Amino acid sequence: MRTTTRILLVEDDRENCLMLKEALSKWGYQVTETFSGEEAIRLGQRESFDIVLSDIRMANVDGLQVLKAMRKSQPHAQVIMMTGFGSVDTAVDAMKAGAFDYISKPFKFDEVKLTLSRALEQLEVEKARGQQVPQPLPTGALPLIGHSRSMAEIYKTIARVAAGSSTVLVQGESGTGKELVARSIHQNSDRASKPFLAINCAALPDTLLESELFGHARGAHSTATSDKPGLFELASGGTLLLDEVGDMSLTLQAKLLRVLEDSETRRLGDSGTIKTDVRVIASTNKDLMKLTREDDFRSDLYYRLNVVTITLPPLRERKEDIPALTEYFIRKYCAAARRNVGEASPEVLESFQRHSWPGNVRELENVIERAVLLNVKSRIMLEDLPPNFLTPSSGSTLSLEEMERKHIAQILHQTKGNIKAAAELLGIDRKTLYRKAGEYGIEVVRE
């Protein structure tokens, strides 16, 4: 039992505070509780604590102010933040200011217990090394939106990995926001003032993709009329996103692996090498581990890219974020179109909760953009939505898969089988549409 470990518990909700104090005491911690940030700062100036467990959203003096004060009064303490309003800003601000970790409410006691154990381990490590104050993260605005538990975990991971230079693999279905995660990592790193460049590996043939990545010397091929630097050169000091890396050929995978291992690149048709200083972030909507087993992706490259993995959940698995996303997109497209649409009606939000969102956040954005442009009222109504968002019959018990299949079939019927138009309405690429149609047995004519 940790009878010598002192915890300062800061929570302005008295009921939650006392409930958590009871649990901490049962686990063997010595707990001092306070219901205000002001009192927490005063206690930190008078007494010594090993761990500070503080809510973020509090009246007058909030948790971030408590955190910053603790970093000055007792920098050895491990500070863990709690909040019911998980967001990129609070997660990054907390980690940036030196927090050890970030717990979202409603929290699980097993998670709290594990986090405290890890904080104690870190406390011992820092005492042994003589390190007391964690290095702050650089600032940067993050465009991600969502308060769900899964998104809060992603925000924490972004905050932790931003300061380093390790490669990151971002996984998720099309339309989930993989590029936004990559940009968020870049914007909160010490590379933020340097270029962020992105290339879609699935959109270019091998020869052109190789030339774009590594550059070419004059005369390297028939169209190479002058020297051209590649993206690894142009992104020097910054970040390069390799989008849809799972579509890269095995030949180019081998060349990419060599660049990552040697930190140098060679232009096509040139014998000299150029040193590179680029952080690589790769993204994919494919199962790279499965591709390695099928010999369609190099296992050595997979493990080289997979230093840190961030997996974005599909929108159907975080529907609690739909209202916030809807509000954001309404504001965005009202500003762009100079419209004055205040909100989505309750019926619209209810239909959004029923929808399976095969195109994920990108599909939601497309639906809102369409609704704002067509709307002539002060709020978005059901009639502003595509036909497939009409309320189903009360006896409907469709599964998510059945709803998705029905939605795709309706869109293909609506577009008279036009794959390009259907993919745009769904917010997915054509490859994904072909794949999903095949999975659901929907016949389509390949272009």
Protein backbone atom coordinates (compact mmCIF):
# COMPACT_ATOMS: atom_id res chain seq x y z
CA MET A 1 0.00 0.00 0.00
CA ARG A 2 1.27 3.48 -0.84
CA THR A 3 0.88 5.02 2.59
CA THR A 4 3.65 7.58 1.94
CA THR A 5 2.41 8.82 -1.44
CA ARG A 6 0.58 12.13 -1.13
CA ILE A 7 -2.06 13.19 -3.64
CA LEU A 8 -3.64 16.62 -3.94
CA LEU A 9 -7.13 16.14 -5.39
CA VAL A 10 -8.63 19.28 -6.99
CA GLU A 11 -12.29 18.99 -8.07
CA ASP A 12 -15.02 21.62 -7.75
CA ASP A 13 -17.80 19.02 -7.95
CA ARG A 14 -17.98 17.98 -4.28
CA GLU A 15 -19.77 14.70 -4.90
CA ASN A 16 -17.25 13.59 -7.52
CA CYS A 17 -14.38 14.80 -5.38
CA LEU A 18 -15.42 12.84 -2.30
CA MET A 19 -16.20 9.74 -4.34
CA LEU A 20 -12.76 9.82 -5.96
CA LYS A 21 -11.10 10.54 -2.63
CA GLU A 22 -12.70 7.42 -1.16
CA ALA A 23 -11.33 5.29 -4.00
CA LEU A 24 -7.83 6.80 -3.72
CA SER A 25 -7.79 6.24 0.03
CA LYS A 26 -8.79 2.60 -0.43
CA TRP A 27 -5.85 2.20 -2.80
CA GLY A 28 -3.53 3.35 -0.04
CA TYR A 29 -2.84 6.96 -1.03
CA GLN A 30 -2.80 9.90 1.40
CA VAL A 31 -5.30 12.32 -0.09
CA THR A 32 -5.82 16.03 0.51
CA GLU A 33 -8.88 17.32 -1.29
CA THR A 34 -9.90 20.83 -2.25
CA PHE A 35 -12.88 22.17 -4.18
CA SER A 36 -11.21 25.18 -5.80
CA GLY A 37 -8.19 26.05 -7.88
CA GLU A 38 -7.30 28.96 -5.62
CA GLU A 39 -7.04 26.73 -2.55
CA ALA A 40 -5.05 24.15 -4.54
CA ILE A 41 -2.43 26.76 -5.42
CA ARG A 42 -2.19 27.86 -1.76
CA LEU A 43 -1.81 24.24 -0.61
CA GLY A 44 0.90 23.71 -3.22
CA GLN A 45 2.85 26.63 -1.75
CA ARG A 46 2.60 25.28 1.83
CA GLU A 47 2.78 21.50 1.46
CA SER A 48 4.54 18.89 -0.68
CA PHE A 49 2.66 16.41 -2.88
CA ASP A 50 3.80 13.57 -5.10
CA ILE A 51 0.82 13.66 -7.44
CA VAL A 52 -1.71 16.38 -8.24
CA LEU A 53 -5.01 15.16 -9.73
CA SER A 54 -6.91 18.20 -10.96
CA ASP A 55 -10.06 18.93 -12.92
CA ILE A 56 -9.57 21.35 -15.83
CA ARG A 57 -12.94 23.12 -16.00
CA MET A 58 -13.35 25.04 -12.72
CA ALA A 59 -14.68 28.46 -11.86
CA ASN A 60 -12.30 31.39 -11.30
CA VAL A 61 -9.00 29.45 -11.33
CA ASP A 62 -9.04 26.50 -13.72
CA GLY A 63 -6.92 23.36 -13.83
CA LEU A 64 -4.40 24.71 -16.31
CA GLN A 65 -3.64 27.59 -13.94
CA VAL A 66 -3.24 25.06 -11.12
CA LEU A 67 -0.90 23.02 -13.31
CA LYS A 68 1.29 26.01 -14.15
CA ALA A 69 1.44 27.07 -10.50
CA MET A 70 2.44 23.55 -9.42
CA ARG A 71 5.25 23.47 -11.97
CA LYS A 72 6.73 26.44 -10.08
CA SER A 73 5.94 25.58 -6.45
CA GLN A 74 6.81 21.86 -6.58
CA PRO A 75 8.13 20.83 -9.98
CA HIS A 76 8.78 17.25 -8.83
CA ALA A 77 5.03 16.49 -8.61
CA GLN A 78 3.35 14.52 -11.40
CA VAL A 79 0.22 16.41 -12.47
CA ILE A 80 -2.71 14.50 -13.99
CA MET A 81 -5.57 16.46 -15.52
CA MET A 82 -9.26 15.44 -15.57
CA THR A 83 -12.05 16.85 -17.71
CA GLY A 84 -15.44 15.98 -19.11
CA PHE A 85 -14.77 18.14 -22.13
CA GLY A 86 -12.08 16.29 -24.07
CA SER A 87 -10.69 18.39 -26.88
CA VAL A 88 -7.50 18.97 -28.79
CA ASP A 89 -6.91 22.33 -27.16
CA THR A 90 -7.19 21.14 -23.56
CA ALA A 91 -5.18 17.99 -24.19
CA VAL A 92 -2.33 19.81 -25.90
CA ASP A 93 -2.41 22.74 -23.48
CA ALA A 94 -2.19 20.36 -20.54
CA MET A 95 0.67 18.32 -22.01
CA LYS A 96 2.38 21.49 -23.21
CA ALA A 97 2.33 22.96 -19.73
CA GLY A 98 3.92 19.83 -18.27
CA ALA A 99 1.06 17.51 -17.31
CA PHE A 100 1.96 13.84 -16.97
CA ASP A 101 -1.33 12.61 -18.41
CA TYR A 102 -4.90 13.51 -19.23
CA ILE A 103 -8.01 11.57 -18.16
CA SER A 104 -11.44 12.08 -19.74
CA LYS A 105 -14.65 11.97 -17.73
CA PRO A 106 -16.62 9.91 -17.09
CA PHE A 107 -13.44 8.06 -16.16
CA LYS A 108 -12.98 4.41 -15.37
CA PHE A 109 -11.42 3.64 -11.98
CA ASP A 110 -9.13 1.04 -13.54
CA GLU A 111 -7.82 3.73 -15.87
CA VAL A 112 -7.27 6.13 -12.97
CA LYS A 113 -5.47 3.45 -10.96
CA LEU A 114 -3.19 2.54 -13.87
CA THR A 115 -2.41 6.19 -14.62
CA LEU A 116 -1.44 6.79 -10.98
CA SER A 117 0.86 3.79 -11.04
CA ARG A 118 2.54 5.06 -14.19
CA ALA A 119 2.89 8.52 -12.64
CA LEU A 120 4.69 7.01 -9.63
CA GLU A 121 7.04 5.12 -11.93
CA GLN A 122 7.79 8.33 -13.81
CA LEU A 123 8.34 10.14 -10.51
CA GLU A 124 10.99 7.60 -9.53
CA VAL A 125 12.68 7.83 -12.94
CA GLU A 126 12.84 11.62 -12.80
CA LYS A 127 14.17 11.59 -9.25
CA ALA A 128 16.91 9.17 -10.29
CA ARG A 129 17.83 11.32 -13.29
CA GLY A 130 17.53 14.60 -11.42
CA GLN A 131 14.94 15.81 -13.95
CA GLN A 132 12.04 17.73 -12.50
CA VAL A 133 10.30 19.91 -15.06
CA PRO A 134 8.95 18.24 -18.23
CA GLN A 135 9.88 19.98 -21.47
CA PRO A 136 6.96 22.02 -22.84
CA LEU A 137 5.48 21.33 -26.24
CA PRO A 138 5.40 24.12 -28.80
CA THR A 139 2.07 25.77 -29.45
CA GLY A 140 -0.08 25.26 -32.51
CA ALA A 141 -3.73 25.29 -33.48
CA LEU A 142 -5.24 21.87 -34.11
CA PRO A 143 -8.23 21.46 -36.43
CA LEU A 144 -9.57 18.18 -35.00
CA ILE A 145 -13.04 18.20 -33.44
CA GLY A 146 -14.66 15.79 -31.00
CA HIS A 147 -15.19 15.17 -27.30
CA SER A 148 -15.56 11.39 -27.36
CA ARG A 149 -13.28 9.18 -25.29
CA SER A 150 -11.63 7.75 -28.41
CA MET A 151 -10.79 11.24 -29.70
CA ALA A 152 -9.48 12.31 -26.29
CA GLU A 153 -7.02 9.41 -26.44
CA ILE A 154 -5.92 10.52 -29.91
CA TYR A 155 -5.38 14.08 -28.66
CA LYS A 156 -3.15 12.74 -25.89
CA THR A 157 -1.12 10.70 -28.35
CA ILE A 158 -0.68 13.70 -30.64
CA ALA A 159 0.50 15.80 -27.72
CA ARG A 160 3.03 13.15 -26.68
CA VAL A 161 4.53 12.36 -30.07
CA ALA A 162 4.61 15.91 -31.46
CA ALA A 163 7.90 16.85 -29.81
CA GLY A 164 9.86 13.95 -31.31
CA SER A 165 10.91 13.00 -34.82
CA SER A 166 9.81 9.36 -34.91
CA THR A 167 7.77 8.13 -37.85
CA VAL A 168 4.03 7.88 -37.21
CA LEU A 169 1.51 5.59 -38.91
CA VAL A 170 -2.04 6.97 -39.02
CA GLN A 171 -4.69 4.37 -39.80
CA GLY A 172 -8.41 4.73 -40.46
CA GLU A 173 -11.14 4.51 -43.03
CA SER A 174 -11.39 7.07 -45.81
CA GLY A 175 -12.78 10.37 -44.59
CA THR A 176 -11.88 9.97 -40.90
CA GLY A 177 -9.35 12.85 -40.85
CA LYS A 178 -5.94 11.18 -41.20
CA GLU A 179 -4.35 14.23 -42.82
CA LEU A 180 -5.70 16.44 -40.02
CA VAL A 181 -3.90 14.24 -37.49
CA ALA A 182 -0.67 14.54 -39.48
CA ARG A 183 -1.01 18.32 -39.68
CA SER A 184 -1.77 18.47 -35.97
CA ILE A 185 1.43 16.59 -35.14
CA HIS A 186 3.41 18.93 -37.39
CA GLN A 187 1.82 22.12 -36.03
CA ASN A 188 2.63 21.14 -32.45
CA SER A 189 6.22 20.09 -33.14
CA ASP A 190 9.43 22.09 -33.28
CA ARG A 191 9.18 21.67 -37.06
CA ALA A 192 6.04 23.84 -37.24
CA SER A 193 7.86 26.72 -38.94
CA LYS A 194 9.16 24.40 -41.67
CA PRO A 195 7.19 22.91 -44.59
CA PHE A 196 4.40 20.38 -44.25
CA LEU A 197 4.04 18.54 -47.55
CA ALA A 198 1.67 15.71 -48.47
CA ILE A 199 1.43 13.32 -51.40
CA ASN A 200 -1.21 10.72 -52.24
CA CYS A 201 0.69 7.55 -53.13
CA ALA A 202 -2.41 6.02 -54.73
CA ALA A 203 -3.00 8.90 -57.12
CA LEU A 204 0.21 8.67 -59.16
CA PRO A 205 1.84 5.97 -61.31
CA ASP A 206 5.15 4.56 -60.08
CA THR A 207 7.46 6.59 -62.30
CA LEU A 208 5.80 9.90 -61.46
CA LEU A 209 5.54 9.10 -57.74
CA GLU A 210 9.24 8.23 -57.61
CA SER A 211 10.13 11.49 -59.35
CA GLU A 212 7.89 13.47 -56.98
CA LEU A 213 9.39 11.87 -53.88
CA PHE A 214 13.07 11.84 -54.79
CA GLY A 215 13.37 14.38 -57.60
CA HIS A 216 15.30 13.93 -60.82
CA ALA A 217 18.33 15.25 -62.64
CA ARG A 218 18.13 16.87 -66.04
CA GLY A 219 17.93 14.19 -68.73
CA ALA A 220 16.86 11.43 -66.30
CA HIS A 221 13.90 10.74 -68.61
CA SER A 222 12.30 12.25 -71.70
CA THR A 223 10.40 14.98 -69.83
CA ALA A 224 13.21 15.87 -67.41
CA THR A 225 14.32 19.12 -69.07
CA SER A 226 15.82 20.50 -65.86
CA ASP A 227 16.86 19.43 -62.38
CA LYS A 228 13.93 18.95 -60.01
CA PRO A 229 14.13 18.55 -56.23
CA GLY A 230 11.94 15.85 -54.67
CA LEU A 231 9.59 16.20 -51.73
CA PHE A 232 12.21 14.84 -49.34
CA GLU A 233 14.36 17.84 -50.26
CA LEU A 234 11.54 20.38 -50.33
CA ALA A 235 10.30 19.27 -46.89
CA SER A 236 13.74 19.64 -45.32
CA GLY A 237 13.41 20.37 -41.61
CA GLY A 238 9.68 19.76 -41.78
CA THR A 239 7.19 16.93 -42.20
CA LEU A 240 6.24 14.75 -45.17
CA LEU A 241 2.91 12.91 -45.21
CA LEU A 242 2.79 9.79 -47.36
CA ASP A 243 -0.96 9.38 -47.78
CA GLU A 244 -2.31 5.94 -48.76
CA VAL A 245 1.16 4.42 -48.39
CA GLY A 246 -0.40 0.95 -48.66
CA ASP A 247 -0.83 1.54 -52.40
CA MET A 248 2.87 2.07 -53.00
CA SER A 249 4.56 -0.56 -55.17
CA LEU A 250 7.09 -2.97 -53.66
CA THR A 251 9.87 -1.39 -55.75
CA LEU A 252 9.19 2.07 -54.36
CA GLN A 253 8.76 0.64 -50.87
CA ALA A 254 12.36 -0.60 -51.03
CA LYS A 255 13.61 2.85 -52.09
CA LEU A 256 11.56 4.57 -49.37
CA LEU A 257 12.97 2.21 -46.75
CA ARG A 258 16.51 3.06 -47.80
CA VAL A 259 15.80 6.79 -47.47
CA LEU A 260 14.32 6.33 -44.00
CA GLU A 261 17.23 4.19 -42.81
CA ASP A 262 20.05 6.27 -44.33
CA SER A 263 18.50 9.74 -43.96
CA GLU A 264 19.63 10.57 -47.47
CA THR A 265 18.03 10.58 -50.90
CA ARG A 266 19.21 10.42 -54.49
CA ARG A 267 17.58 12.14 -57.45
CA LEU A 268 16.73 9.97 -60.43
CA GLY A 269 19.59 10.06 -62.92
CA ASP A 270 22.04 11.50 -60.38
CA SER A 271 24.90 9.61 -58.71
CA GLY A 272 25.19 11.93 -55.72
CA THR A 273 23.22 11.69 -52.48
CA ILE A 274 21.53 14.45 -50.48
CA LYS A 275 21.14 14.36 -46.70
CA THR A 276 17.55 14.61 -45.50
CA ASP A 277 16.03 15.89 -42.27
CA VAL A 278 12.36 15.07 -42.66
CA ARG A 279 9.82 13.61 -40.27
CA VAL A 280 7.73 11.06 -42.15
CA ILE A 281 4.09 10.42 -41.29
CA ALA A 282 2.36 7.67 -43.26
CA SER A 283 -1.38 7.16 -43.51
CA THR A 284 -3.51 4.35 -44.90
CA ASN A 285 -7.04 2.99 -44.98
CA LYS A 286 -5.69 -0.52 -45.46
CA ASP A 287 -4.58 -3.21 -43.01
CA LEU A 288 -0.82 -3.07 -43.55
CA MET A 289 -0.19 -6.07 -41.31
CA LYS A 290 -2.51 -8.13 -43.51
CA LEU A 291 -0.72 -6.85 -46.61
CA THR A 292 2.64 -7.92 -45.17
CA ARG A 293 1.29 -11.43 -44.62
CA GLU A 294 0.15 -11.47 -48.24
CA ASP A 295 3.57 -10.17 -49.40
CA ASP A 296 1.99 -7.00 -50.79
CA PHE A 297 3.80 -4.74 -48.33
CA ARG A 298 7.36 -5.05 -47.05
CA SER A 299 7.45 -6.11 -43.42
CA ASP A 300 10.70 -4.19 -42.76
CA LEU A 301 9.11 -0.98 -44.06
CA TYR A 302 5.96 -1.64 -42.04
CA TYR A 303 7.93 -1.88 -38.80
CA ARG A 304 10.00 1.17 -39.78
CA LEU A 305 6.83 3.24 -40.30
CA ASN A 306 4.98 1.74 -37.34
CA VAL A 307 7.02 3.36 -34.56
CA VAL A 308 3.88 5.09 -33.26
CA THR A 309 0.41 4.16 -34.53
CA ILE A 310 -2.68 6.35 -34.31
CA THR A 311 -5.93 4.66 -35.33
CA LEU A 312 -8.84 6.96 -36.10
CA PRO A 313 -12.29 5.53 -35.35
CA PRO A 314 -15.01 5.71 -38.02
CA LEU A 315 -17.71 8.28 -37.38
CA ARG A 316 -20.30 5.54 -36.70
CA GLU A 317 -18.25 4.61 -33.61
CA ARG A 318 -18.13 8.14 -32.21
CA LYS A 319 -21.56 9.51 -32.93
CA GLU A 320 -21.48 11.64 -29.79
CA ASP A 321 -19.14 13.93 -31.78
CA ILE A 322 -21.67 14.52 -34.58
CA PRO A 323 -23.36 17.61 -32.99
CA ALA A 324 -20.02 19.40 -32.55
CA LEU A 325 -18.90 18.48 -36.06
CA THR A 326 -22.24 19.60 -37.47
CA GLU A 327 -21.99 22.96 -35.74
CA TYR A 328 -18.44 23.45 -36.99
CA PHE A 329 -19.31 22.67 -40.62
CA ILE A 330 -22.40 24.89 -40.51
CA ARG A 331 -20.23 27.82 -39.37
CA LYS A 332 -17.59 27.00 -41.98
CA TYR A 333 -19.93 26.89 -44.97
CA CYS A 334 -22.12 29.76 -43.79
CA ALA A 335 -19.02 31.94 -43.73
CA ALA A 336 -17.94 30.72 -47.18
CA ALA A 337 -21.39 31.18 -48.77
CA ARG A 338 -22.38 34.24 -46.71
CA ARG A 339 -25.44 32.47 -45.39
CA ASN A 340 -27.07 32.81 -41.98
CA VAL A 341 -28.01 29.26 -40.99
CA GLY A 342 -27.93 29.08 -37.21
CA GLU A 343 -28.20 25.36 -36.51
CA ALA A 344 -29.48 21.95 -37.51
CA SER A 345 -32.95 20.99 -36.34
CA PRO A 346 -33.38 18.22 -33.74
CA GLU A 347 -34.88 16.00 -36.47
CA VAL A 348 -31.75 16.46 -38.57
CA LEU A 349 -29.45 15.58 -35.67
CA GLU A 350 -31.63 12.53 -34.95
CA SER A 351 -31.33 11.38 -38.56
CA PHE A 352 -27.56 11.90 -38.36
CA GLN A 353 -27.45 9.59 -35.32
CA ARG A 354 -29.28 6.86 -37.27
CA HIS A 355 -27.06 7.16 -40.33
CA SER A 356 -24.13 4.73 -40.74
CA TRP A 357 -21.76 7.29 -42.38
CA PRO A 358 -19.78 5.10 -44.78
CA GLY A 359 -17.91 8.22 -45.90
CA ASN A 360 -17.22 9.25 -42.28
CA VAL A 361 -16.52 12.91 -41.42
CA ARG A 362 -15.94 13.81 -45.06
CA GLU A 363 -19.46 12.61 -45.91
CA LEU A 364 -20.92 14.65 -43.04
CA GLU A 365 -19.08 17.72 -44.29
CA ASN A 366 -20.44 17.21 -47.81
CA VAL A 367 -23.99 16.80 -46.47
CA ILE A 368 -23.72 20.03 -44.43
CA GLU A 369 -22.19 21.97 -47.33
CA ARG A 370 -25.09 20.88 -49.58
CA ALA A 371 -27.68 21.74 -46.92
CA VAL A 372 -26.24 25.21 -46.30
CA LEU A 373 -26.20 26.01 -50.02
CA LEU A 374 -29.80 24.83 -50.56
CA ASN A 375 -31.20 26.26 -47.34
CA VAL A 376 -33.45 29.32 -47.35
CA LYS A 377 -34.38 29.19 -43.66
CA SER A 378 -32.62 29.93 -40.38
CA ARG A 379 -31.91 26.26 -39.64
CA ILE A 380 -31.21 23.07 -41.55
CA MET A 381 -34.31 20.90 -41.87
CA LEU A 382 -34.81 17.30 -43.05
CA GLU A 383 -35.91 18.49 -46.48
CA ASP A 384 -32.47 20.07 -46.95
CA LEU A 385 -30.81 16.66 -46.70
CA PRO A 386 -30.31 13.99 -49.39
CA PRO A 387 -33.28 11.59 -49.78
CA ASN A 388 -31.61 8.75 -47.88
CA PHE A 389 -31.76 10.76 -44.64
CA LEU A 390 -35.55 10.61 -44.45
CA THR A 391 -36.88 9.07 -41.23
CA PRO A 392 -37.17 5.27 -41.53
CA SER A 393 -40.34 3.46 -40.50
CA SER A 394 -40.81 2.88 -36.78
CA GLY A 395 -40.46 -0.86 -37.26
CA SER A 396 -37.04 -0.58 -38.89
CA THR A 397 -34.31 -2.53 -37.10
CA LEU A 398 -31.57 -2.33 -39.72
CA SER A 399 -28.03 -3.10 -38.62
CA LEU A 400 -25.24 -0.61 -39.35
CA GLU A 401 -24.07 -2.84 -42.21
CA GLU A 402 -27.57 -3.04 -43.69
CA MET A 403 -28.00 0.73 -43.36
CA GLU A 404 -24.67 1.31 -45.07
CA ARG A 405 -25.52 -1.11 -47.90
CA LYS A 406 -28.91 0.54 -48.38
CA HIS A 407 -27.37 4.01 -48.36
CA ILE A 408 -24.74 3.11 -50.98
CA ALA A 409 -27.38 1.47 -53.18
CA GLN A 410 -29.60 4.57 -52.92
CA ILE A 411 -26.77 6.93 -53.85
CA LEU A 412 -25.79 4.77 -56.84
CA HIS A 413 -29.42 4.74 -57.96
CA GLN A 414 -29.66 8.50 -57.44
CA THR A 415 -26.53 9.09 -59.59
CA LYS A 416 -27.68 6.54 -62.21
CA GLY A 417 -24.62 4.42 -61.51
CA ASN A 418 -22.11 7.26 -61.94
CA ILE A 419 -19.28 6.03 -59.72
CA LYS A 420 -17.47 9.36 -59.58
CA ALA A 421 -20.61 11.30 -58.59
CA ALA A 422 -21.65 8.63 -56.07
CA ALA A 423 -18.21 8.60 -54.44
CA GLU A 424 -18.28 12.40 -54.12
CA LEU A 425 -21.72 12.34 -52.49
CA LEU A 426 -20.61 9.60 -50.09
CA GLY A 427 -17.38 11.42 -49.30
CA ILE A 428 -15.19 8.43 -50.22
CA ASP A 429 -12.81 7.65 -53.07
CA ARG A 430 -13.79 5.43 -55.96
CA LYS A 431 -11.59 2.53 -54.83
CA THR A 432 -13.38 2.44 -51.48
CA LEU A 433 -16.77 2.60 -53.19
CA TYR A 434 -15.86 -0.32 -55.47
CA ARG A 435 -14.66 -2.30 -52.44
CA LYS A 436 -17.77 -1.64 -50.36
CA ALA A 437 -20.08 -2.37 -53.28
CA GLY A 438 -18.32 -5.70 -53.72
CA GLU A 439 -18.64 -6.51 -50.02
CA TYR A 440 -22.39 -5.82 -50.09
CA GLY A 441 -23.04 -7.52 -53.42
CA ILE A 442 -24.05 -4.31 -55.17
CA GLU A 443 -23.41 -4.49 -58.90
CA VAL A 444 -21.56 -1.54 -60.38
CA VAL A 445 -20.10 -0.87 -63.81
CA ARG A 446 -16.37 -0.28 -63.56
CA GLU A 447 -15.11 2.80 -65.36
